[in-house]
Amino acid sequence: MVRTVRFHEVGGPEVLRLEEVPVGEPGPGELLIRVDAIGLNRAEVLFRGGHYIEPVKEFPARLGTEAAGVVEALGPGVTGFAAGQPVSVVPAFSMNEYGVYAERAIVPARAVLSRPEGLDAVAGAAVWMPYVTAYGALVEVGGMRAGDTVVLTAASSSVGLAAIQVARSVGAVPVATTRTRAKAAALRKAGAADVIVTEEEDVTERVLDRTAGRGAEFVFDAVAGPGVVGLARAVAPGGTLLLYGALSGQPTPYPGFDLGMPALNMRTYTLHETTRDPERLRRAEAFVASGLRTGVFAPVVDRTFALEDIAEAHRYMEAGSQIGKIVVTVDHR
């Protein structure tokens, strides 16, 4: 029996329960992982609350797609891993099938990456989702190049901070947006070439000013909703508006008609586009691992919580005051 976080109904953080659950043995294509740290993601808050793009199919339900730990057992047919190997789990599966909020978890081997030497469990649980999301959208799909300007909304999130570093790594120019001045200094310290405070400044005007009227080649937006119309005005002709989140919770219009049919590319992006494609994931792993080795990439961890405090960790995430990743650590008694 292992301590496992489950919930028996959708709702707020209070529905989360730490329960003793049998873990079983890994089946074909699976690994049993001793979980040492868990990376929290906004998707888990939405899934728990019944607002995710994928509904909960069965109760009690599990949570979690990103973790770091050690391989304990290999299922039939699994190769390339060994017991005792430090690894990270990346979001590449449905939470209706697997969950890593636990002391031990069975996960598909295709969702497991070898943890680079020198990367501890907390960093190993914090690094992959943000950097693979930013790389997959901006480099793999978008083709971001040196000299491109990329506008980043929700820039103090773990993905936003990773996107700043990914943009810098290819010679692009990251412009961060933030609602208030509270996080502006931290974003500049993180490497943003410029910070736009949306409560005080007009994003379109600022972007056009700093690009000599050209606009940004990319806007990487986690908010969506009605605000995409204003963001689209800041996109250069032929540029791309990438939507990877829907924090606004409101319907998202297609702005092209309102703006007179500009040469605007607009598409959604989900992490699974990369993590469920073996070749894309291989390239993403190589890109991120290279950045970690050279020190160009360094995951930002805002705060850690113990597994026993998982409900409080979810409340903290919902408050939205963090800068970087929230990580839950597991104490193996």
C-alpha atoms as a PDB file:
ATOM      1  CA  MET A   1       0.000   0.000   0.000  1.00  0.00           C
ATOM      2  CA  VAL A   2       1.297   3.466  -0.847  1.00  0.00           C
ATOM      3  CA  ARG A   3       0.036   6.924   0.016  1.00  0.00           C
ATOM      4  CA  THR A   4      -1.797   8.229  -3.035  1.00  0.00           C
ATOM      5  CA  VAL A   5      -3.747  11.440  -3.637  1.00  0.00           C
ATOM      6  CA  ARG A   6      -7.237  10.782  -4.972  1.00  0.00           C
ATOM      7  CA  PHE A   7     -10.529  12.643  -5.167  1.00  0.00           C
ATOM      8  CA  HIS A   8     -14.018  11.178  -5.090  1.00  0.00           C
ATOM      9  CA  GLU A   9     -15.877  14.151  -6.574  1.00  0.00           C
ATOM     10  CA  VAL A  10     -14.971  17.280  -8.501  1.00  0.00           C
ATOM     11  CA  GLY A  11     -14.549  20.436  -6.478  1.00  0.00           C
ATOM     12  CA  GLY A  12     -12.044  22.661  -4.727  1.00  0.00           C
ATOM     13  CA  PRO A  13      -8.768  21.644  -3.085  1.00  0.00           C
ATOM     14  CA  GLU A  14     -10.717  20.252  -0.132  1.00  0.00           C
ATOM     15  CA  VAL A  15     -11.796  17.215  -2.205  1.00  0.00           C
ATOM     16  CA  LEU A  16      -8.211  15.905  -2.327  1.00  0.00           C
ATOM     17  CA  ARG A  17      -7.581  12.894  -0.075  1.00  0.00           C
ATOM     18  CA  LEU A  18      -4.306  11.173   0.835  1.00  0.00           C
ATOM     19  CA  GLU A  19      -5.241   7.495   0.915  1.00  0.00           C
ATOM     20  CA  GLU A  20      -3.497   4.122   1.227  1.00  0.00           C
ATOM     21  CA  VAL A  21      -3.838   2.421  -2.161  1.00  0.00           C
ATOM     22  CA  PRO A  22      -2.221  -0.733  -3.609  1.00  0.00           C
ATOM     23  CA  VAL A  23       0.216   0.147  -6.385  1.00  0.00           C
ATOM     24  CA  GLY A  24       0.398  -3.219  -8.160  1.00  0.00           C
ATOM     25  CA  GLU A  25       3.005  -4.339 -10.681  1.00  0.00           C
ATOM     26  CA  PRO A  26       3.897  -2.611 -13.956  1.00  0.00           C
ATOM     27  CA  GLY A  27       2.317  -4.161 -17.024  1.00  0.00           C
ATOM     28  CA  PRO A  28       3.629  -4.314 -20.587  1.00  0.00           C
ATOM     29  CA  GLY A  29       5.186  -0.988 -21.568  1.00  0.00           C
ATOM     30  CA  GLU A  30       5.047   0.364 -18.016  1.00  0.00           C
ATOM     31  CA  LEU A  31       7.472   1.288 -15.237  1.00  0.00           C
ATOM     32  CA  LEU A  32       7.048   1.421 -11.478  1.00  0.00           C
ATOM     33  CA  ILE A  33       8.573   4.657 -10.196  1.00  0.00           C
ATOM     34  CA  ARG A  34       9.414   5.667  -6.647  1.00  0.00           C
ATOM     35  CA  VAL A  35       8.221   9.274  -6.711  1.00  0.00           C
ATOM     36  CA  ASP A  36      10.472  11.772  -4.932  1.00  0.00           C
ATOM     37  CA  ALA A  37       9.036  15.058  -6.262  1.00  0.00           C
ATOM     38  CA  ILE A  38       5.954  16.111  -8.214  1.00  0.00           C
ATOM     39  CA  GLY A  39       5.587  19.123 -10.495  1.00  0.00           C
ATOM     40  CA  LEU A  40       2.206  20.820 -10.187  1.00  0.00           C
ATOM     41  CA  ASN A  41       0.449  21.984 -13.328  1.00  0.00           C
ATOM     42  CA  ARG A  42      -2.612  24.141 -13.931  1.00  0.00           C
ATOM     43  CA  ALA A  43      -4.201  21.216 -15.796  1.00  0.00           C
ATOM     44  CA  GLU A  44      -4.484  19.305 -12.523  1.00  0.00           C
ATOM     45  CA  VAL A  45      -6.391  22.128 -10.859  1.00  0.00           C
ATOM     46  CA  LEU A  46      -8.794  22.202 -13.810  1.00  0.00           C
ATOM     47  CA  PHE A  47      -9.157  18.397 -13.871  1.00  0.00           C
ATOM     48  CA  ARG A  48      -9.894  18.297 -10.140  1.00  0.00           C
ATOM     49  CA  GLY A  49     -12.491  21.030 -10.530  1.00  0.00           C
ATOM     50  CA  GLY A  50     -14.205  19.466 -13.540  1.00  0.00           C
ATOM     51  CA  HIS A  51     -13.121  22.221 -15.951  1.00  0.00           C
ATOM     52  CA  TYR A  52     -10.362  20.498 -17.922  1.00  0.00           C
ATOM     53  CA  ILE A  53     -10.558  19.765 -21.661  1.00  0.00           C
ATOM     54  CA  GLU A  54     -10.858  16.103 -20.647  1.00  0.00           C
ATOM     55  CA  PRO A  55     -13.543  15.252 -18.061  1.00  0.00           C
ATOM     56  CA  VAL A  56     -13.050  12.842 -15.169  1.00  0.00           C
ATOM     57  CA  LYS A  57     -14.296   9.442 -16.346  1.00  0.00           C
ATOM     58  CA  GLU A  58     -14.353   7.522 -13.083  1.00  0.00           C
ATOM     59  CA  PHE A  59     -14.111   8.088  -9.321  1.00  0.00           C
ATOM     60  CA  PRO A  60     -12.026   7.859  -7.257  1.00  0.00           C
ATOM     61  CA  ALA A  61      -9.742   9.740  -9.645  1.00  0.00           C
ATOM     62  CA  ARG A  62      -6.006  10.374  -9.565  1.00  0.00           C
ATOM     63  CA  LEU A  63      -3.921  13.388 -10.472  1.00  0.00           C
ATOM     64  CA  GLY A  64      -0.497  14.300 -11.757  1.00  0.00           C
ATOM     65  CA  THR A  65       1.569  13.916 -14.919  1.00  0.00           C
ATOM     66  CA  GLU A  66       4.991  15.335 -14.015  1.00  0.00           C
ATOM     67  CA  ALA A  67       7.375  13.878 -11.457  1.00  0.00           C
ATOM     68  CA  ALA A  68      10.935  12.828 -10.691  1.00  0.00           C
ATOM     69  CA  GLY A  69      12.124   9.732  -8.914  1.00  0.00           C
ATOM     70  CA  VAL A  70      13.826   6.404  -9.376  1.00  0.00           C
ATOM     71  CA  VAL A  71      12.880   3.324 -11.402  1.00  0.00           C
ATOM     72  CA  GLU A  72      11.899   0.421  -9.131  1.00  0.00           C
ATOM     73  CA  ALA A  73      10.582  -2.163 -11.606  1.00  0.00           C
ATOM     74  CA  LEU A  74      10.180  -2.678 -15.342  1.00  0.00           C
ATOM     75  CA  GLY A  75       7.115  -4.168 -16.989  1.00  0.00           C
ATOM     76  CA  PRO A  76       7.326  -6.821 -19.698  1.00  0.00           C
ATOM     77  CA  GLY A  77       8.930  -5.639 -22.904  1.00  0.00           C
ATOM     78  CA  VAL A  78      10.394  -2.437 -21.467  1.00  0.00           C
ATOM     79  CA  THR A  79      13.989  -1.708 -22.458  1.00  0.00           C
ATOM     80  CA  GLY A  80      16.329   1.221 -21.998  1.00  0.00           C
ATOM     81  CA  PHE A  81      15.771   1.567 -18.251  1.00  0.00           C
ATOM     82  CA  ALA A  82      17.208  -0.120 -15.170  1.00  0.00           C
ATOM     83  CA  ALA A  83      16.148  -0.428 -11.549  1.00  0.00           C
ATOM     84  CA  GLY A  84      17.680   2.392  -9.502  1.00  0.00           C
ATOM     85  CA  GLN A  85      17.915   4.773 -12.465  1.00  0.00           C
ATOM     86  CA  PRO A  86      17.008   8.432 -11.754  1.00  0.00           C
ATOM     87  CA  VAL A  87      14.255   9.532 -14.123  1.00  0.00           C
ATOM     88  CA  SER A  88      11.614  12.157 -14.786  1.00  0.00           C
ATOM     89  CA  VAL A  89       8.019  11.595 -15.864  1.00  0.00           C
ATOM     90  CA  VAL A  90       6.681  13.984 -18.511  1.00  0.00           C
ATOM     91  CA  PRO A  91       3.027  14.762 -19.278  1.00  0.00           C
ATOM     92  CA  ALA A  92       2.290  12.264 -22.070  1.00  0.00           C
ATOM     93  CA  PHE A  93      -0.818  10.467 -20.821  1.00  0.00           C
ATOM     94  CA  SER A  94      -4.345  11.011 -19.594  1.00  0.00           C
ATOM     95  CA  MET A  95      -4.992  11.462 -15.867  1.00  0.00           C
ATOM     96  CA  ASN A  96      -7.897   9.092 -16.403  1.00  0.00           C
ATOM     97  CA  GLU A  97      -5.278   6.385 -16.957  1.00  0.00           C
ATOM     98  CA  TYR A  98      -2.322   7.264 -14.701  1.00  0.00           C
ATOM     99  CA  GLY A  99      -1.439   9.680 -11.896  1.00  0.00           C
ATOM    100  CA  VAL A 100       1.829  10.532 -10.129  1.00  0.00           C
ATOM    101  CA  TYR A 101       0.513  12.225  -6.963  1.00  0.00           C
ATOM    102  CA  ALA A 102       1.751   9.275  -4.877  1.00  0.00           C
ATOM    103  CA  GLU A 103       4.721   7.712  -3.111  1.00  0.00           C
ATOM    104  CA  ARG A 104       5.004   5.218  -5.951  1.00  0.00           C
ATOM    105  CA  ALA A 105       3.306   5.251  -9.346  1.00  0.00           C
ATOM    106  CA  ILE A 106       3.003   3.093 -12.425  1.00  0.00           C
ATOM    107  CA  VAL A 107       3.490   5.103 -15.604  1.00  0.00           C
ATOM    108  CA  PRO A 108       3.963   4.344 -19.307  1.00  0.00           C
ATOM    109  CA  ALA A 109       7.642   3.982 -20.194  1.00  0.00           C
ATOM    110  CA  ARG A 110       7.109   6.275 -23.199  1.00  0.00           C
ATOM    111  CA  ALA A 111       6.485   9.121 -20.723  1.00  0.00           C
ATOM    112  CA  VAL A 112       9.749   8.611 -18.834  1.00  0.00           C
ATOM    113  CA  LEU A 113      13.055  10.367 -19.544  1.00  0.00           C
ATOM    114  CA  SER A 114      16.436   9.679 -18.015  1.00  0.00           C
ATOM    115  CA  ARG A 115      17.247  12.416 -15.496  1.00  0.00           C
ATOM    116  CA  PRO A 116      20.477  14.233 -16.437  1.00  0.00           C
ATOM    117  CA  GLU A 117      23.358  13.833 -14.005  1.00  0.00           C
ATOM    118  CA  GLY A 118      23.425  16.550 -11.360  1.00  0.00           C
ATOM    119  CA  LEU A 119      19.712  17.327 -11.648  1.00  0.00           C
ATOM    120  CA  ASP A 120      18.045  16.661  -8.291  1.00  0.00           C
ATOM    121  CA  ALA A 121      14.485  15.436  -7.883  1.00  0.00           C
ATOM    122  CA  VAL A 122      12.926  18.875  -7.317  1.00  0.00           C
ATOM    123  CA  ALA A 123      14.537  20.284 -10.460  1.00  0.00           C
ATOM    124  CA  GLY A 124      13.773  17.051 -12.298  1.00  0.00           C
ATOM    125  CA  ALA A 125      10.080  17.507 -11.514  1.00  0.00           C
ATOM    126  CA  ALA A 126      10.127  21.175 -12.509  1.00  0.00           C
ATOM    127  CA  VAL A 127      12.015  21.234 -15.779  1.00  0.00           C
ATOM    128  CA  TRP A 128      10.360  19.171 -18.495  1.00  0.00           C
ATOM    129  CA  MET A 129       6.806  20.467 -18.824  1.00  0.00           C
ATOM    130  CA  PRO A 130       7.769  24.168 -19.004  1.00  0.00           C
ATOM    131  CA  TYR A 131      10.723  23.783 -21.355  1.00  0.00           C
ATOM    132  CA  VAL A 132       9.164  21.169 -23.624  1.00  0.00           C
ATOM    133  CA  THR A 133       6.015  23.302 -23.901  1.00  0.00           C
ATOM    134  CA  ALA A 134       8.018  26.388 -24.853  1.00  0.00           C
ATOM    135  CA  TYR A 135      10.350  24.501 -27.201  1.00  0.00           C
ATOM    136  CA  GLY A 136       7.563  22.490 -28.815  1.00  0.00           C
ATOM    137  CA  ALA A 137       5.391  25.508 -29.561  1.00  0.00           C
ATOM    138  CA  LEU A 138       7.956  28.152 -30.448  1.00  0.00           C
ATOM    139  CA  VAL A 139      10.781  26.158 -32.029  1.00  0.00           C
ATOM    140  CA  GLU A 140       9.343  22.835 -33.228  1.00  0.00           C
ATOM    141  CA  VAL A 141       5.968  24.136 -34.445  1.00  0.00           C
ATOM    142  CA  GLY A 142       6.585  27.867 -34.821  1.00  0.00           C
ATOM    143  CA  GLY A 143      10.123  27.837 -36.178  1.00  0.00           C
ATOM    144  CA  MET A 144      11.285  30.744 -33.993  1.00  0.00           C
ATOM    145  CA  ARG A 145      14.624  32.130 -35.168  1.00  0.00           C
ATOM    146  CA  ALA A 146      17.294  34.599 -34.123  1.00  0.00           C
ATOM    147  CA  GLY A 147      16.021  38.159 -34.250  1.00  0.00           C
ATOM    148  CA  ASP A 148      12.358  37.225 -33.859  1.00  0.00           C
ATOM    149  CA  THR A 149      10.353  39.061 -31.202  1.00  0.00           C
ATOM    150  CA  VAL A 150       8.087  36.888 -29.031  1.00  0.00           C
ATOM    151  CA  VAL A 151       5.462  38.345 -26.690  1.00  0.00           C
ATOM    152  CA  LEU A 152       4.787  36.146 -23.647  1.00  0.00           C
ATOM    153  CA  THR A 153       1.610  36.417 -21.570  1.00  0.00           C
ATOM    154  CA  ALA A 154       1.471  34.938 -18.051  1.00  0.00           C
ATOM    155  CA  ALA A 155       5.220  35.332 -18.236  1.00  0.00           C
ATOM    156  CA  SER A 156       5.840  34.614 -14.541  1.00  0.00           C
ATOM    157  CA  SER A 157       4.444  31.092 -14.905  1.00  0.00           C
ATOM    158  CA  SER A 158       6.879  28.202 -15.208  1.00  0.00           C
ATOM    159  CA  VAL A 159       6.180  28.004 -18.950  1.00  0.00           C
ATOM    160  CA  GLY A 160       6.549  31.758 -19.370  1.00  0.00           C
ATOM    161  CA  LEU A 161       9.917  31.787 -17.602  1.00  0.00           C
ATOM    162  CA  ALA A 162      11.085  28.787 -19.634  1.00  0.00           C
ATOM    163  CA  ALA A 163       9.963  30.542 -22.827  1.00  0.00           C
ATOM    164  CA  ILE A 164      12.129  33.546 -21.924  1.00  0.00           C
ATOM    165  CA  GLN A 165      15.164  31.254 -21.697  1.00  0.00           C
ATOM    166  CA  VAL A 166      14.256  29.271 -24.824  1.00  0.00           C
ATOM    167  CA  ALA A 167      13.872  32.493 -26.807  1.00  0.00           C
ATOM    168  CA  ARG A 168      17.209  33.776 -25.529  1.00  0.00           C
ATOM    169  CA  SER A 169      18.892  30.480 -26.414  1.00  0.00           C
ATOM    170  CA  VAL A 170      18.036  30.865 -30.113  1.00  0.00           C
ATOM    171  CA  GLY A 171      18.741  34.596 -30.259  1.00  0.00           C
ATOM    172  CA  ALA A 172      15.108  35.728 -30.203  1.00  0.00           C
ATOM    173  CA  VAL A 173      13.822  38.692 -28.176  1.00  0.00           C
ATOM    174  CA  PRO A 174      11.408  37.809 -25.333  1.00  0.00           C
ATOM    175  CA  VAL A 175       8.921  40.515 -24.311  1.00  0.00           C
ATOM    176  CA  ALA A 176       7.043  39.621 -21.120  1.00  0.00           C
ATOM    177  CA  THR A 177       3.606  40.868 -20.111  1.00  0.00           C
ATOM    178  CA  THR A 178       2.339  40.968 -16.551  1.00  0.00           C
ATOM    179  CA  ARG A 179      -0.834  42.382 -15.058  1.00  0.00           C
ATOM    180  CA  THR A 180       0.778  44.529 -12.324  1.00  0.00           C
ATOM    181  CA  ARG A 181       4.241  45.820 -11.507  1.00  0.00           C
ATOM    182  CA  ALA A 182       4.637  43.291  -8.679  1.00  0.00           C
ATOM    183  CA  LYS A 183       6.459  40.760 -10.889  1.00  0.00           C
ATOM    184  CA  ALA A 184       8.125  43.126 -13.373  1.00  0.00           C
ATOM    185  CA  ALA A 185      11.552  43.173 -11.714  1.00  0.00           C
ATOM    186  CA  ALA A 186      11.610  39.377 -11.432  1.00  0.00           C
ATOM    187  CA  LEU A 187      10.801  39.045 -15.127  1.00  0.00           C
ATOM    188  CA  ARG A 188      13.621  41.381 -16.111  1.00  0.00           C
ATOM    189  CA  LYS A 189      15.986  39.414 -13.883  1.00  0.00           C
ATOM    190  CA  ALA A 190      14.792  36.225 -15.585  1.00  0.00           C
ATOM    191  CA  GLY A 191      15.954  37.605 -18.933  1.00  0.00           C
ATOM    192  CA  ALA A 192      12.990  39.433 -20.469  1.00  0.00           C
ATOM    193  CA  ALA A 193      14.183  42.072 -22.901  1.00  0.00           C
ATOM    194  CA  ASP A 194      11.188  44.199 -21.964  1.00  0.00           C
ATOM    195  CA  VAL A 195       8.226  43.971 -19.590  1.00  0.00           C
ATOM    196  CA  ILE A 196       4.781  45.352 -20.371  1.00  0.00           C
ATOM    197  CA  VAL A 197       2.464  46.008 -17.404  1.00  0.00           C
ATOM    198  CA  THR A 198      -0.963  45.440 -18.908  1.00  0.00           C
ATOM    199  CA  GLU A 199      -2.925  47.373 -16.256  1.00  0.00           C
ATOM    200  CA  GLU A 200      -0.934  50.506 -17.121  1.00  0.00           C
ATOM    201  CA  GLU A 201       0.222  50.100 -20.722  1.00  0.00           C
ATOM    202  CA  ASP A 202      -1.228  49.169 -24.096  1.00  0.00           C
ATOM    203  CA  VAL A 203       0.397  45.944 -25.300  1.00  0.00           C
ATOM    204  CA  THR A 204      -0.081  46.679 -28.988  1.00  0.00           C
ATOM    205  CA  GLU A 205       1.433  50.163 -28.780  1.00  0.00           C
ATOM    206  CA  ARG A 206       4.424  48.986 -26.759  1.00  0.00           C
ATOM    207  CA  VAL A 207       5.158  46.059 -29.078  1.00  0.00           C
ATOM    208  CA  LEU A 208       4.839  48.160 -32.223  1.00  0.00           C
ATOM    209  CA  ASP A 209       7.075  50.864 -30.712  1.00  0.00           C
ATOM    210  CA  ARG A 210       9.884  48.454 -29.832  1.00  0.00           C
ATOM    211  CA  THR A 211       9.702  46.696 -33.220  1.00  0.00           C
ATOM    212  CA  ALA A 212       9.664  49.891 -35.307  1.00  0.00           C
ATOM    213  CA  GLY A 213       6.066  49.245 -36.283  1.00  0.00           C
ATOM    214  CA  ARG A 214       6.670  45.700 -37.530  1.00  0.00           C
ATOM    215  CA  GLY A 215       5.046  43.793 -34.689  1.00  0.00           C
ATOM    216  CA  ALA A 216       6.074  40.547 -33.034  1.00  0.00           C
ATOM    217  CA  GLU A 217       6.767  37.416 -35.029  1.00  0.00           C
ATOM    218  CA  PHE A 218       5.194  35.395 -32.210  1.00  0.00           C
ATOM    219  CA  VAL A 219       2.722  35.885 -29.409  1.00  0.00           C
ATOM    220  CA  PHE A 220       2.709  32.954 -26.959  1.00  0.00           C
ATOM    221  CA  ASP A 221      -0.531  33.280 -25.028  1.00  0.00           C
ATOM    222  CA  ALA A 222      -1.717  31.357 -21.967  1.00  0.00           C
ATOM    223  CA  VAL A 223      -4.810  33.479 -21.343  1.00  0.00           C
ATOM    224  CA  ALA A 224      -6.979  33.370 -24.514  1.00  0.00           C
ATOM    225  CA  GLY A 225     -10.492  34.869 -24.306  1.00  0.00           C
ATOM    226  CA  PRO A 226     -11.429  38.322 -25.678  1.00  0.00           C
ATOM    227  CA  GLY A 227      -7.874  39.615 -25.136  1.00  0.00           C
ATOM    228  CA  VAL A 228      -6.633  37.792 -28.235  1.00  0.00           C
ATOM    229  CA  VAL A 229      -8.026  40.608 -30.395  1.00  0.00           C
ATOM    230  CA  GLY A 230      -5.616  43.095 -28.845  1.00  0.00           C
ATOM    231  CA  LEU A 231      -2.750  40.608 -28.963  1.00  0.00           C
ATOM    232  CA  ALA A 232      -3.402  39.924 -32.646  1.00  0.00           C
ATOM    233  CA  ARG A 233      -2.872  43.616 -33.379  1.00  0.00           C
ATOM    234  CA  ALA A 234       0.654  43.223 -32.053  1.00  0.00           C
ATOM    235  CA  VAL A 235       1.515  40.355 -34.431  1.00  0.00           C
ATOM    236  CA  ALA A 236       3.690  41.120 -37.452  1.00  0.00           C
ATOM    237  CA  PRO A 237       2.298  40.327 -40.936  1.00  0.00           C
ATOM    238  CA  GLY A 238       2.687  36.581 -41.381  1.00  0.00           C
ATOM    239  CA  GLY A 239       3.392  36.162 -37.677  1.00  0.00           C
ATOM    240  CA  THR A 240       1.837  33.603 -35.379  1.00  0.00           C
ATOM    241  CA  LEU A 241      -0.447  33.832 -32.363  1.00  0.00           C
ATOM    242  CA  LEU A 242       0.029  30.586 -30.390  1.00  0.00           C
ATOM    243  CA  LEU A 243      -2.567  29.760 -27.719  1.00  0.00           C
ATOM    244  CA  TYR A 244      -1.421  27.214 -25.162  1.00  0.00           C
ATOM    245  CA  GLY A 245      -3.792  27.968 -22.276  1.00  0.00           C
ATOM    246  CA  ALA A 246      -7.190  29.429 -21.461  1.00  0.00           C
ATOM    247  CA  LEU A 247      -6.718  31.142 -18.102  1.00  0.00           C
ATOM    248  CA  SER A 248      -9.419  33.699 -18.882  1.00  0.00           C
ATOM    249  CA  GLY A 249     -12.098  31.006 -18.913  1.00  0.00           C
ATOM    250  CA  GLN A 250     -13.970  33.007 -21.562  1.00  0.00           C
ATOM    251  CA  PRO A 251     -14.778  32.228 -25.210  1.00  0.00           C
ATOM    252  CA  THR A 252     -11.961  33.030 -27.602  1.00  0.00           C
ATOM    253  CA  PRO A 253     -12.865  34.815 -30.857  1.00  0.00           C
ATOM    254  CA  TYR A 254     -10.918  34.559 -34.077  1.00  0.00           C
ATOM    255  CA  PRO A 255      -9.662  38.140 -34.440  1.00  0.00           C
ATOM    256  CA  GLY A 256      -8.808  38.099 -38.128  1.00  0.00           C
ATOM    257  CA  PHE A 257     -12.215  39.299 -39.294  1.00  0.00           C
ATOM    258  CA  ASP A 258     -12.337  42.122 -36.724  1.00  0.00           C
ATOM    259  CA  LEU A 259      -8.914  43.353 -37.833  1.00  0.00           C
ATOM    260  CA  GLY A 260      -9.623  43.404 -41.549  1.00  0.00           C
ATOM    261  CA  MET A 261      -8.234  39.978 -42.489  1.00  0.00           C
ATOM    262  CA  PRO A 262      -4.503  40.493 -41.791  1.00  0.00           C
ATOM    263  CA  ALA A 263      -1.942  37.805 -42.656  1.00  0.00           C
ATOM    264  CA  LEU A 264      -2.351  36.217 -39.239  1.00  0.00           C
ATOM    265  CA  ASN A 265      -1.561  32.644 -38.279  1.00  0.00           C
ATOM    266  CA  MET A 266      -3.440  31.541 -35.171  1.00  0.00           C
ATOM    267  CA  ARG A 267      -3.288  28.062 -33.687  1.00  0.00           C
ATOM    268  CA  THR A 268      -3.598  26.239 -30.419  1.00  0.00           C
ATOM    269  CA  TYR A 269      -0.766  24.178 -28.990  1.00  0.00           C
ATOM    270  CA  THR A 270      -0.853  21.412 -26.409  1.00  0.00           C
ATOM    271  CA  LEU A 271       2.137  19.741 -24.807  1.00  0.00           C
ATOM    272  CA  HIS A 272       0.904  16.333 -25.986  1.00  0.00           C
ATOM    273  CA  GLU A 273       1.720  17.364 -29.565  1.00  0.00           C
ATOM    274  CA  THR A 274       5.337  16.894 -28.534  1.00  0.00           C
ATOM    275  CA  THR A 275       5.292  14.353 -25.708  1.00  0.00           C
ATOM    276  CA  ARG A 276       3.102  11.830 -27.561  1.00  0.00           C
ATOM    277  CA  ASP A 277       5.232  11.997 -30.722  1.00  0.00           C
ATOM    278  CA  PRO A 278       8.422   9.954 -30.142  1.00  0.00           C
ATOM    279  CA  GLU A 279      10.534  11.893 -32.647  1.00  0.00           C
ATOM    280  CA  ARG A 280       9.417  15.299 -31.409  1.00  0.00           C
ATOM    281  CA  LEU A 281       9.990  14.228 -27.818  1.00  0.00           C
ATOM    282  CA  ARG A 282      13.467  12.954 -28.703  1.00  0.00           C
ATOM    283  CA  ARG A 283      14.367  16.332 -30.197  1.00  0.00           C
ATOM    284  CA  ALA A 284      12.834  18.208 -27.272  1.00  0.00           C
ATOM    285  CA  GLU A 285      14.741  16.088 -24.759  1.00  0.00           C
ATOM    286  CA  ALA A 286      18.002  16.760 -26.595  1.00  0.00           C
ATOM    287  CA  PHE A 287      17.291  20.507 -26.766  1.00  0.00           C
ATOM    288  CA  VAL A 288      16.425  20.833 -23.072  1.00  0.00           C
ATOM    289  CA  ALA A 289      19.235  18.527 -21.894  1.00  0.00           C
ATOM    290  CA  SER A 290      21.740  20.597 -23.879  1.00  0.00           C
ATOM    291  CA  GLY A 291      20.494  23.792 -22.246  1.00  0.00           C
ATOM    292  CA  LEU A 292      20.757  22.211 -18.796  1.00  0.00           C
ATOM    293  CA  ARG A 293      24.322  21.006 -19.447  1.00  0.00           C
ATOM    294  CA  THR A 294      25.504  24.427 -20.577  1.00  0.00           C
ATOM    295  CA  GLY A 295      23.636  26.274 -17.835  1.00  0.00           C
ATOM    296  CA  VAL A 296      21.503  28.224 -20.317  1.00  0.00           C
ATOM    297  CA  PHE A 297      18.390  26.615 -18.812  1.00  0.00           C
ATOM    298  CA  ALA A 298      17.695  26.603 -15.089  1.00  0.00           C
ATOM    299  CA  PRO A 299      14.198  25.710 -13.870  1.00  0.00           C
ATOM    300  CA  VAL A 300      12.688  28.248 -11.488  1.00  0.00           C
ATOM    301  CA  VAL A 301      11.021  26.719  -8.419  1.00  0.00           C
ATOM    302  CA  ASP A 302       8.818  29.123  -6.512  1.00  0.00           C
ATOM    303  CA  ARG A 303       7.954  26.945  -3.510  1.00  0.00           C
ATOM    304  CA  THR A 304       7.813  23.348  -2.346  1.00  0.00           C
ATOM    305  CA  PHE A 305       5.110  21.587  -0.332  1.00  0.00           C
ATOM    306  CA  ALA A 306       5.006  18.177   1.329  1.00  0.00           C
ATOM    307  CA  LEU A 307       2.700  15.526  -0.116  1.00  0.00           C
ATOM    308  CA  GLU A 308       0.612  15.767   3.057  1.00  0.00           C
ATOM    309  CA  ASP A 309      -0.073  19.412   2.185  1.00  0.00           C
ATOM    310  CA  ILE A 310      -1.324  18.777  -1.348  1.00  0.00           C
ATOM    311  CA  ALA A 311      -4.590  20.673  -0.793  1.00  0.00           C
ATOM    312  CA  GLU A 312      -2.664  23.729   0.388  1.00  0.00           C
ATOM    313  CA  ALA A 313      -0.368  23.439  -2.639  1.00  0.00           C
ATOM    314  CA  HIS A 314      -3.426  23.550  -4.915  1.00  0.00           C
ATOM    315  CA  ARG A 315      -4.780  26.589  -3.065  1.00  0.00           C
ATOM    316  CA  TYR A 316      -1.439  28.317  -3.526  1.00  0.00           C
ATOM    317  CA  MET A 317      -1.476  27.578  -7.259  1.00  0.00           C
ATOM    318  CA  GLU A 318      -5.015  28.906  -7.598  1.00  0.00           C
ATOM    319  CA  ALA A 319      -3.997  32.154  -5.869  1.00  0.00           C
ATOM    320  CA  GLY A 320      -1.636  32.820  -8.788  1.00  0.00           C
ATOM    321  CA  SER A 321       1.081  34.657  -6.880  1.00  0.00           C
ATOM    322  CA  GLN A 322       3.895  32.244  -7.716  1.00  0.00           C
ATOM    323  CA  ILE A 323       6.857  32.988  -9.943  1.00  0.00           C
ATOM    324  CA  GLY A 324       7.916  29.688 -11.464  1.00  0.00           C
ATOM    325  CA  LYS A 325       7.094  26.104 -10.583  1.00  0.00           C
ATOM    326  CA  ILE A 326       5.339  24.700  -7.527  1.00  0.00           C
ATOM    327  CA  VAL A 327       6.785  21.329  -6.511  1.00  0.00           C
ATOM    328  CA  VAL A 328       5.519  18.754  -4.001  1.00  0.00           C
ATOM    329  CA  THR A 329       8.117  16.590  -2.289  1.00  0.00           C
ATOM    330  CA  VAL A 330       7.567  13.044  -1.042  1.00  0.00           C
ATOM    331  CA  ASP A 331       9.042  11.893   2.259  1.00  0.00           C
ATOM    332  CA  HIS A 332       9.592   8.109   2.138  1.00  0.00           C
ATOM    333  CA  ARG A 333       9.290   6.940   5.736  1.00  0.00           C
END
